[in-house]
Structure formats: C-alpha cells, structure tokens
C-alpha cells in the first residue's frame, strides 16, 4: 500500500467507520486501498502533465531557468495533489 492508500485507510477508519468495517469484514479493504492508491497516482501524474502543458512549463524552461521551473512544478504538484485528495481520498 502506498501513500494514498494509507491516507484513505486512515480517513475511512477515522471518519467513515461503517464503510471501513464493511470493507474489512467482506475482505475487500486491501483491494479498495490498492485501487485508490493506483487511481490517485495515475490521476496525479495526468494532472501534473496537463497543468504543466497549460502553464507552459517545458523542458526548455527547465534548461533556461531551473529555479523558476522548480517553483512552478512545485506549485503544480501541490495543486494537483489537492485535487486528488479531495476527489479520491476524502470522497
């Protein structure tokens, strides 16, 4: 289980107890967490790529101004991660 699977596990255990115990007793909790983790990683990768293209963050910018590229990519990754957390983990 990866980072997002762990976050989902904690969220279900603390905030959605009924669903957590239903998944646990039916033996589907591990599958659910693995599916969420894979979906979250795929969604994050896609969002970062799309946001970078939309904002014009390219390999040329990386070569020309590394610090600007790093700052933009950090902002993009944070925004994409926020979407993933709201749409998949805490939904």
PDB file of N, CA and C in Angstrom:
ATOM      1  N   UNK A   1       0.849  -1.172   0.000  1.00  0.00           N
ATOM      2  CA  UNK A   1       0.000   0.000   0.000  1.00  0.00           C
ATOM      3  C   UNK A   1       0.898   1.240   0.000  1.00  0.00           C
ATOM      4  N   UNK A   2       0.544   2.167  -0.831  1.00  0.00           N
ATOM      5  CA  UNK A   2       1.326   3.384  -0.956  1.00  0.00           C
ATOM      6  C   UNK A   2       0.778   4.517  -0.101  1.00  0.00           C
ATOM      7  N   UNK A   3       1.260   5.692  -0.386  1.00  0.00           N
ATOM      8  CA  UNK A   3       0.902   6.883   0.396  1.00  0.00           C
ATOM      9  C   UNK A   3      -0.602   7.149   0.388  1.00  0.00           C
ATOM     10  N   UNK A   4      -1.198   7.131  -0.802  1.00  0.00           N
ATOM     11  CA  UNK A   4      -2.613   7.463  -0.907  1.00  0.00           C
ATOM     12  C   UNK A   4      -3.499   6.364  -0.338  1.00  0.00           C
ATOM     13  N   UNK A   5      -3.077   5.131  -0.457  1.00  0.00           N
ATOM     14  CA  UNK A   5      -3.798   4.035   0.179  1.00  0.00           C
ATOM     15  C   UNK A   5      -3.799   4.191   1.693  1.00  0.00           C
ATOM     16  N   UNK A   6      -2.664   4.601   2.240  1.00  0.00           N
ATOM     17  CA  UNK A   6      -2.565   4.833   3.678  1.00  0.00           C
ATOM     18  C   UNK A   6      -3.437   5.986   4.137  1.00  0.00           C
ATOM     19  N   UNK A   7      -3.466   7.055   3.339  1.00  0.00           N
ATOM     20  CA  UNK A   7      -4.317   8.195   3.687  1.00  0.00           C
ATOM     21  C   UNK A   7      -5.788   7.803   3.650  1.00  0.00           C
ATOM     22  N   UNK A   8      -6.156   7.022   2.641  1.00  0.00           N
ATOM     23  CA  UNK A   8      -7.547   6.563   2.519  1.00  0.00           C
ATOM     24  C   UNK A   8      -7.908   5.651   3.698  1.00  0.00           C
ATOM     25  N   UNK A   9      -6.992   4.769   4.066  1.00  0.00           N
ATOM     26  CA  UNK A   9      -7.213   3.863   5.206  1.00  0.00           C
ATOM     27  C   UNK A   9      -7.485   4.663   6.470  1.00  0.00           C
ATOM     28  N   UNK A  10      -6.647   5.645   6.738  1.00  0.00           N
ATOM     29  CA  UNK A  10      -6.822   6.476   7.931  1.00  0.00           C
ATOM     30  C   UNK A  10      -8.138   7.248   7.888  1.00  0.00           C
ATOM     31  N   UNK A  11      -8.466   7.795   6.714  1.00  0.00           N
ATOM     32  CA  UNK A  11      -9.716   8.547   6.568  1.00  0.00           C
ATOM     33  C   UNK A  11     -10.924   7.648   6.832  1.00  0.00           C
ATOM     34  N   UNK A  12     -10.927   6.469   6.225  1.00  0.00           N
ATOM     35  CA  UNK A  12     -12.057   5.557   6.434  1.00  0.00           C
ATOM     36  C   UNK A  12     -12.165   5.141   7.902  1.00  0.00           C
ATOM     37  N   UNK A  13     -11.046   4.830   8.498  1.00  0.00           N
ATOM     38  CA  UNK A  13     -11.043   4.359   9.889  1.00  0.00           C
ATOM     39  C   UNK A  13     -11.511   5.439  10.850  1.00  0.00           C
ATOM     40  N   UNK A  14     -11.139   6.691  10.581  1.00  0.00           N
ATOM     41  CA  UNK A  14     -11.484   7.777  11.490  1.00  0.00           C
ATOM     42  C   UNK A  14     -12.835   8.430  11.183  1.00  0.00           C
ATOM     43  N   UNK A  15     -13.200   8.503   9.896  1.00  0.00           N
ATOM     44  CA  UNK A  15     -14.373   9.296   9.529  1.00  0.00           C
ATOM     45  C   UNK A  15     -15.523   8.497   8.931  1.00  0.00           C
ATOM     46  N   UNK A  16     -15.259   7.358   8.367  1.00  0.00           N
ATOM     47  CA  UNK A  16     -16.290   6.539   7.721  1.00  0.00           C
ATOM     48  C   UNK A  16     -16.238   5.122   8.287  1.00  0.00           C
ATOM     49  N   UNK A  17     -16.480   5.023   9.580  1.00  0.00           N
ATOM     50  CA  UNK A  17     -16.304   3.743  10.289  1.00  0.00           C
ATOM     51  C   UNK A  17     -17.162   2.623   9.713  1.00  0.00           C
ATOM     52  N   UNK A  18     -18.407   2.920   9.364  1.00  0.00           N
ATOM     53  CA  UNK A  18     -19.296   1.879   8.858  1.00  0.00           C
ATOM     54  C   UNK A  18     -18.733   1.302   7.559  1.00  0.00           C
ATOM     55  N   UNK A  19     -18.352   2.173   6.634  1.00  0.00           N
ATOM     56  CA  UNK A  19     -17.774   1.718   5.373  1.00  0.00           C
ATOM     57  C   UNK A  19     -16.469   0.969   5.618  1.00  0.00           C
ATOM     58  N   UNK A  20     -15.653   1.480   6.525  1.00  0.00           N
ATOM     59  CA  UNK A  20     -14.393   0.822   6.851  1.00  0.00           C
ATOM     60  C   UNK A  20     -14.628  -0.614   7.316  1.00  0.00           C
ATOM     61  N   UNK A  21     -15.561  -0.803   8.247  1.00  0.00           N
ATOM     62  CA  UNK A  21     -15.805  -2.143   8.775  1.00  0.00           C
ATOM     63  C   UNK A  21     -16.518  -3.043   7.767  1.00  0.00           C
ATOM     64  N   UNK A  22     -17.336  -2.460   6.895  1.00  0.00           N
ATOM     65  CA  UNK A  22     -17.945  -3.261   5.829  1.00  0.00           C
ATOM     66  C   UNK A  22     -16.875  -3.806   4.901  1.00  0.00           C
ATOM     67  N   UNK A  23     -15.956  -2.949   4.489  1.00  0.00           N
ATOM     68  CA  UNK A  23     -14.865  -3.383   3.612  1.00  0.00           C
ATOM     69  C   UNK A  23     -13.957  -4.383   4.327  1.00  0.00           C
ATOM     70  N   UNK A  24     -13.687  -4.134   5.581  1.00  0.00           N
ATOM     71  CA  UNK A  24     -12.809  -5.007   6.352  1.00  0.00           C
ATOM     72  C   UNK A  24     -13.411  -6.403   6.517  1.00  0.00           C
ATOM     73  N   UNK A  25     -14.672  -6.465   6.913  1.00  0.00           N
ATOM     74  CA  UNK A  25     -15.298  -7.772   7.157  1.00  0.00           C
ATOM     75  C   UNK A  25     -15.587  -8.532   5.868  1.00  0.00           C
ATOM     76  N   UNK A  26     -15.758  -7.815   4.762  1.00  0.00           N
ATOM     77  CA  UNK A  26     -16.004  -8.507   3.492  1.00  0.00           C
ATOM     78  C   UNK A  26     -14.705  -8.925   2.814  1.00  0.00           C
ATOM     79  N   UNK A  27     -13.576  -8.505   3.371  1.00  0.00           N
ATOM     80  CA  UNK A  27     -12.287  -8.860   2.791  1.00  0.00           C
ATOM     81  C   UNK A  27     -11.893  -8.000   1.605  1.00  0.00           C
ATOM     82  N   UNK A  28     -12.570  -6.886   1.402  1.00  0.00           N
ATOM     83  CA  UNK A  28     -12.323  -6.037   0.239  1.00  0.00           C
ATOM     84  C   UNK A  28     -11.507  -4.787   0.565  1.00  0.00           C
ATOM     85  N   UNK A  29     -11.111  -4.617   1.818  1.00  0.00           N
ATOM     86  CA  UNK A  29     -10.403  -3.398   2.209  1.00  0.00           C
ATOM     87  C   UNK A  29      -9.068  -3.267   1.482  1.00  0.00           C
ATOM     88  N   UNK A  30      -8.281  -4.323   1.461  1.00  0.00           N
ATOM     89  CA  UNK A  30      -6.983  -4.280   0.786  1.00  0.00           C
ATOM     90  C   UNK A  30      -7.119  -3.959  -0.694  1.00  0.00           C
ATOM     91  N   UNK A  31      -8.071  -4.588  -1.354  1.00  0.00           N
ATOM     92  CA  UNK A  31      -8.308  -4.319  -2.775  1.00  0.00           C
ATOM     93  C   UNK A  31      -8.726  -2.863  -2.984  1.00  0.00           C
ATOM     94  N   UNK A  32      -9.630  -2.380  -2.126  1.00  0.00           N
ATOM     95  CA  UNK A  32     -10.104  -0.997  -2.224  1.00  0.00           C
ATOM     96  C   UNK A  32      -8.949  -0.008  -2.070  1.00  0.00           C
ATOM     97  N   UNK A  33      -8.097  -0.239  -1.068  1.00  0.00           N
ATOM     98  CA  UNK A  33      -6.980   0.673  -0.812  1.00  0.00           C
ATOM     99  C   UNK A  33      -5.968   0.644  -1.949  1.00  0.00           C
ATOM    100  N   UNK A  34      -5.712  -0.539  -2.491  1.00  0.00           N
ATOM    101  CA  UNK A  34      -4.786  -0.655  -3.621  1.00  0.00           C
ATOM    102  C   UNK A  34      -5.345   0.054  -4.850  1.00  0.00           C
ATOM    103  N   UNK A  35      -6.640  -0.102  -5.085  1.00  0.00           N
ATOM    104  CA  UNK A  35      -7.291   0.551  -6.225  1.00  0.00           C
ATOM    105  C   UNK A  35      -7.241   2.077  -6.076  1.00  0.00           C
ATOM    106  N   UNK A  36      -7.519   2.568  -4.880  1.00  0.00           N
ATOM    107  CA  UNK A  36      -7.468   4.015  -4.621  1.00  0.00           C
ATOM    108  C   UNK A  36      -6.048   4.531  -4.817  1.00  0.00           C
ATOM    109  N   UNK A  37      -5.062   3.805  -4.306  1.00  0.00           N
ATOM    110  CA  UNK A  37      -3.668   4.219  -4.428  1.00  0.00           C
ATOM    111  C   UNK A  37      -3.252   4.300  -5.900  1.00  0.00           C
ATOM    112  N   UNK A  38      -3.583   3.281  -6.677  1.00  0.00           N
ATOM    113  CA  UNK A  38      -3.239   3.279  -8.103  1.00  0.00           C
ATOM    114  C   UNK A  38      -3.952   4.402  -8.847  1.00  0.00           C
ATOM    115  N   UNK A  39      -5.241   4.572  -8.571  1.00  0.00           N
ATOM    116  CA  UNK A  39      -6.012   5.628  -9.228  1.00  0.00           C
ATOM    117  C   UNK A  39      -5.470   7.008  -8.870  1.00  0.00           C
ATOM    118  N   UNK A  40      -5.125   7.206  -7.611  1.00  0.00           N
ATOM    119  CA  UNK A  40      -4.608   8.503  -7.166  1.00  0.00           C
ATOM    120  C   UNK A  40      -3.275   8.821  -7.832  1.00  0.00           C
ATOM    121  N   UNK A  41      -2.387   7.836  -7.906  1.00  0.00           N
ATOM    122  CA  UNK A  41      -1.094   8.061  -8.560  1.00  0.00           C
ATOM    123  C   UNK A  41      -1.264   8.362 -10.047  1.00  0.00           C
ATOM    124  N   UNK A  42      -2.147   7.630 -10.715  1.00  0.00           N
ATOM    125  CA  UNK A  42      -2.407   7.880 -12.131  1.00  0.00           C
ATOM    126  C   UNK A  42      -3.006   9.264 -12.349  1.00  0.00           C
ATOM    127  N   UNK A  43      -3.970   9.616 -11.503  1.00  0.00           N
ATOM    128  CA  UNK A  43      -4.618  10.921 -11.618  1.00  0.00           C
ATOM    129  C   UNK A  43      -3.625  12.047 -11.366  1.00  0.00           C
ATOM    130  N   UNK A  44      -2.771  11.888 -10.365  1.00  0.00           N
ATOM    131  CA  UNK A  44      -1.770  12.907 -10.048  1.00  0.00           C
ATOM    132  C   UNK A  44      -0.820  13.106 -11.227  1.00  0.00           C
ATOM    133  N   UNK A  45      -0.343  12.022 -11.790  1.00  0.00           N
ATOM    134  CA  UNK A  45       0.580  12.104 -12.925  1.00  0.00           C
ATOM    135  C   UNK A  45      -0.067  12.816 -14.112  1.00  0.00           C
ATOM    136  N   UNK A  46      -1.311  12.468 -14.397  1.00  0.00           N
ATOM    137  CA  UNK A  46      -2.021  13.085 -15.517  1.00  0.00           C
ATOM    138  C   UNK A  46      -2.269  14.569 -15.265  1.00  0.00           C
ATOM    139  N   UNK A  47      -2.708  14.908 -14.062  1.00  0.00           N
ATOM    140  CA  UNK A  47      -2.975  16.313 -13.742  1.00  0.00           C
ATOM    141  C   UNK A  47      -1.713  17.164 -13.812  1.00  0.00           C
ATOM    142  N   UNK A  48      -0.610  16.649 -13.286  1.00  0.00           N
ATOM    143  CA  UNK A  48       0.645  17.406 -13.329  1.00  0.00           C
ATOM    144  C   UNK A  48       1.040  17.654 -14.778  1.00  0.00           C
ATOM    145  N   UNK A  49       0.933  16.648 -15.605  1.00  0.00           N
ATOM    146  CA  UNK A  49       1.289  16.794 -17.019  1.00  0.00           C
ATOM    147  C   UNK A  49       0.394  17.829 -17.704  1.00  0.00           C
ATOM    148  N   UNK A  50      -0.917  17.725 -17.477  1.00  0.00           N
ATOM    149  CA  UNK A  50      -1.855  18.656 -18.110  1.00  0.00           C
ATOM    150  C   UNK A  50      -1.653  20.083 -17.621  1.00  0.00           C
ATOM    151  N   UNK A  51      -1.459  20.256 -16.322  1.00  0.00           N
ATOM    152  CA  UNK A  51      -1.273  21.599 -15.771  1.00  0.00           C
ATOM    153  C   UNK A  51       0.034  22.218 -16.257  1.00  0.00           C
ATOM    154  N   UNK A  52       1.080  21.414 -16.351  1.00  0.00           N
ATOM    155  CA  UNK A  52       2.365  21.924 -16.835  1.00  0.00           C
ATOM    156  C   UNK A  52       2.248  22.378 -18.283  1.00  0.00           C
ATOM    157  N   UNK A  53       1.571  21.594 -19.105  1.00  0.00           N
ATOM    158  CA  UNK A  53       1.373  21.989 -20.506  1.00  0.00           C
ATOM    159  C   UNK A  53       0.572  23.282 -20.596  1.00  0.00           C
ATOM    160  N   UNK A  54      -0.494  23.355 -19.803  1.00  0.00           N
ATOM    161  CA  UNK A  54      -1.364  24.533 -19.844  1.00  0.00           C
ATOM    162  C   UNK A  54      -0.636  25.798 -19.403  1.00  0.00           C
ATOM    163  N   UNK A  55       0.290  25.664 -18.443  1.00  0.00           N
ATOM    164  CA  UNK A  55       1.015  26.827 -17.939  1.00  0.00           C
ATOM    165  C   UNK A  55       2.320  27.087 -18.680  1.00  0.00           C
ATOM    166  N   UNK A  56       2.603  26.266 -19.683  1.00  0.00           N
ATOM    167  CA  UNK A  56       3.798  26.484 -20.494  1.00  0.00           C
ATOM    168  C   UNK A  56       5.103  26.100 -19.814  1.00  0.00           C
ATOM    169  N   UNK A  57       5.036  25.164 -18.884  1.00  0.00           N
ATOM    170  CA  UNK A  57       6.241  24.701 -18.196  1.00  0.00           C
ATOM    171  C   UNK A  57       6.848  23.582 -19.043  1.00  0.00           C
ATOM    172  N   UNK A  58       7.991  23.884 -19.662  1.00  0.00           N
ATOM    173  CA  UNK A  58       8.594  22.966 -20.622  1.00  0.00           C
ATOM    174  C   UNK A  58      10.027  22.606 -20.217  1.00  0.00           C
ATOM    175  N   UNK A  59      10.593  21.667 -20.956  1.00  0.00           N
ATOM    176  CA  UNK A  59      11.994  21.303 -20.749  1.00  0.00           C
ATOM    177  C   UNK A  59      12.918  22.472 -21.113  1.00  0.00           C
ATOM    178  N   UNK A  60      12.491  23.312 -22.053  1.00  0.00           N
ATOM    179  CA  UNK A  60      13.279  24.491 -22.412  1.00  0.00           C
ATOM    180  C   UNK A  60      13.371  25.448 -21.224  1.00  0.00           C
ATOM    181  N   UNK A  61      12.241  25.651 -20.541  1.00  0.00           N
ATOM    182  CA  UNK A  61      12.244  26.494 -19.347  1.00  0.00           C
ATOM    183  C   UNK A  61      13.150  25.881 -18.275  1.00  0.00           C
ATOM    184  N   UNK A  62      13.123  24.570 -18.168  1.00  0.00           N
ATOM    185  CA  UNK A  62      13.975  23.877 -17.198  1.00  0.00           C
ATOM    186  C   UNK A  62      15.445  24.144 -17.487  1.00  0.00           C
ATOM    187  N   UNK A  63      15.797  24.126 -18.758  1.00  0.00           N
ATOM    188  CA  UNK A  63      17.185  24.368 -19.146  1.00  0.00           C
ATOM    189  C   UNK A  63      17.563  25.844 -18.978  1.00  0.00           C
ATOM    190  N   UNK A  64      16.625  26.745 -19.268  1.00  0.00           N
ATOM    191  CA  UNK A  64      16.910  28.177 -19.216  1.00  0.00           C
ATOM    192  C   UNK A  64      16.891  28.757 -17.796  1.00  0.00           C
ATOM    193  N   UNK A  65      15.909  28.363 -17.004  1.00  0.00           N
ATOM    194  CA  UNK A  65      15.738  28.933 -15.660  1.00  0.00           C
ATOM    195  C   UNK A  65      15.259  27.841 -14.701  1.00  0.00           C
ATOM    196  N   UNK A  66      16.205  27.099 -14.177  1.00  0.00           N
ATOM    197  CA  UNK A  66      15.901  25.939 -13.333  1.00  0.00           C
ATOM    198  C   UNK A  66      15.082  26.318 -12.104  1.00  0.00           C
ATOM    199  N   UNK A  67      15.418  27.417 -11.450  1.00  0.00           N
ATOM    200  CA  UNK A  67      14.710  27.799 -10.225  1.00  0.00           C
ATOM    201  C   UNK A  67      13.244  28.142 -10.506  1.00  0.00           C
ATOM    202  N   UNK A  68      12.996  28.823 -11.592  1.00  0.00           N
ATOM    203  CA  UNK A  68      11.614  29.145 -11.959  1.00  0.00           C
ATOM    204  C   UNK A  68      10.848  27.857 -12.259  1.00  0.00           C
ATOM    205  N   UNK A  69      11.497  26.940 -12.996  1.00  0.00           N
ATOM    206  CA  UNK A  69      10.865  25.667 -13.347  1.00  0.00           C
ATOM    207  C   UNK A  69      10.521  24.876 -12.086  1.00  0.00           C
ATOM    208  N   UNK A  70      11.446  24.809 -11.141  1.00  0.00           N
ATOM    209  CA  UNK A  70      11.214  24.079  -9.890  1.00  0.00           C
ATOM    210  C   UNK A  70      10.046  24.698  -9.117  1.00  0.00           C
ATOM    211  N   UNK A  71      10.017  26.004  -9.029  1.00  0.00           N
ATOM    212  CA  UNK A  71       8.928  26.679  -8.327  1.00  0.00           C
ATOM    213  C   UNK A  71       7.579  26.414  -8.967  1.00  0.00           C
ATOM    214  N   UNK A  72       7.525  26.516 -10.288  1.00  0.00           N
ATOM    215  CA  UNK A  72       6.269  26.260 -10.995  1.00  0.00           C
ATOM    216  C   UNK A  72       5.825  24.810 -10.837  1.00  0.00           C
ATOM    217  N   UNK A  73       6.771  23.880 -10.964  1.00  0.00           N
ATOM    218  CA  UNK A  73       6.422  22.466 -10.833  1.00  0.00           C
ATOM    219  C   UNK A  73       5.965  22.139  -9.410  1.00  0.00           C
ATOM    220  N   UNK A  74       6.575  22.748  -8.407  1.00  0.00           N
ATOM    221  CA  UNK A  74       6.120  22.533  -7.028  1.00  0.00           C
ATOM    222  C   UNK A  74       4.694  23.034  -6.834  1.00  0.00           C
ATOM    223  N   UNK A  75       4.383  24.196  -7.395  1.00  0.00           N
ATOM    224  CA  UNK A  75       3.020  24.730  -7.306  1.00  0.00           C
ATOM    225  C   UNK A  75       2.029  23.833  -8.039  1.00  0.00           C
ATOM    226  N   UNK A  76       2.412  23.374  -9.209  1.00  0.00           N
ATOM    227  CA  UNK A  76       1.548  22.500  -9.999  1.00  0.00           C
ATOM    228  C   UNK A  76       1.297  21.192  -9.251  1.00  0.00           C
ATOM    229  N   UNK A  77       2.352  20.611  -8.714  1.00  0.00           N
ATOM    230  CA  UNK A  77       2.209  19.345  -7.990  1.00  0.00           C
ATOM    231  C   UNK A  77       1.319  19.512  -6.753  1.00  0.00           C
ATOM    232  N   UNK A  78       1.467  20.615  -6.054  1.00  0.00           N
ATOM    233  CA  UNK A  78       0.626  20.869  -4.877  1.00  0.00           C
ATOM    234  C   UNK A  78      -0.848  21.010  -5.268  1.00  0.00           C
ATOM    235  N   UNK A  79      -1.098  21.731  -6.329  1.00  0.00           N
ATOM    236  CA  UNK A  79      -2.476  21.914  -6.788  1.00  0.00           C
ATOM    237  C   UNK A  79      -3.077  20.588  -7.245  1.00  0.00           C
ATOM    238  N   UNK A  80      -2.304  19.807  -7.986  1.00  0.00           N
ATOM    239  CA  UNK A  80      -2.785  18.514  -8.464  1.00  0.00           C
ATOM    240  C   UNK A  80      -3.043  17.568  -7.291  1.00  0.00           C
ATOM    241  N   UNK A  81      -2.172  17.593  -6.307  1.00  0.00           N
ATOM    242  CA  UNK A  81      -2.343  16.728  -5.140  1.00  0.00           C
ATOM    243  C   UNK A  81      -3.590  17.114  -4.357  1.00  0.00           C
ATOM    244  N   UNK A  82      -3.881  18.380  -4.285  1.00  0.00           N
ATOM    245  CA  UNK A  82      -5.091  18.842  -3.608  1.00  0.00           C
ATOM    246  C   UNK A  82      -6.342  18.302  -4.303  1.00  0.00           C
ATOM    247  N   UNK A  83      -6.334  18.294  -5.628  1.00  0.00           N
ATOM    248  CA  UNK A  83      -7.455  17.745  -6.389  1.00  0.00           C
ATOM    249  C   UNK A  83      -7.602  16.250  -6.108  1.00  0.00           C
ATOM    250  N   UNK A  84      -6.499  15.530  -6.128  1.00  0.00           N
ATOM    251  CA  UNK A  84      -6.522  14.089  -5.871  1.00  0.00           C
ATOM    252  C   UNK A  84      -7.064  13.801  -4.470  1.00  0.00           C
ATOM    253  N   UNK A  85      -6.588  14.526  -3.492  1.00  0.00           N
ATOM    254  CA  UNK A  85      -7.062  14.303  -2.122  1.00  0.00           C
ATOM    255  C   UNK A  85      -8.556  14.560  -1.989  1.00  0.00           C
ATOM    256  N   UNK A  86      -9.040  15.642  -2.582  1.00  0.00           N
ATOM    257  CA  UNK A  86     -10.462  15.961  -2.484  1.00  0.00           C
ATOM    258  C   UNK A  86     -11.338  15.017  -3.276  1.00  0.00           C
ATOM    259  N   UNK A  87     -10.883  14.602  -4.457  1.00  0.00           N
ATOM    260  CA  UNK A  87     -11.714  13.778  -5.337  1.00  0.00           C
ATOM    261  C   UNK A  87     -11.669  12.288  -5.023  1.00  0.00           C
ATOM    262  N   UNK A  88     -10.546  11.797  -4.546  1.00  0.00           N
ATOM    263  CA  UNK A  88     -10.416  10.345  -4.336  1.00  0.00           C
ATOM    264  C   UNK A  88     -10.277   9.942  -2.864  1.00  0.00           C
ATOM    265  N   UNK A  89      -9.453  10.611  -2.144  1.00  0.00           N
ATOM    266  CA  UNK A  89      -9.133  10.164  -0.792  1.00  0.00           C
ATOM    267  C   UNK A  89     -10.246  10.528   0.191  1.00  0.00           C
ATOM    268  N   UNK A  90     -10.695  11.758   0.163  1.00  0.00           N
ATOM    269  CA  UNK A  90     -11.677  12.230   1.127  1.00  0.00           C
ATOM    270  C   UNK A  90     -13.075  12.306   0.542  1.00  0.00           C
ATOM    271  N   UNK A  91     -13.376  11.466  -0.392  1.00  0.00           N
ATOM    272  CA  UNK A  91     -14.707  11.462  -1.014  1.00  0.00           C
ATOM    273  C   UNK A  91     -15.509  10.276  -0.531  1.00  0.00           C
TER     274      UNK A  91
END
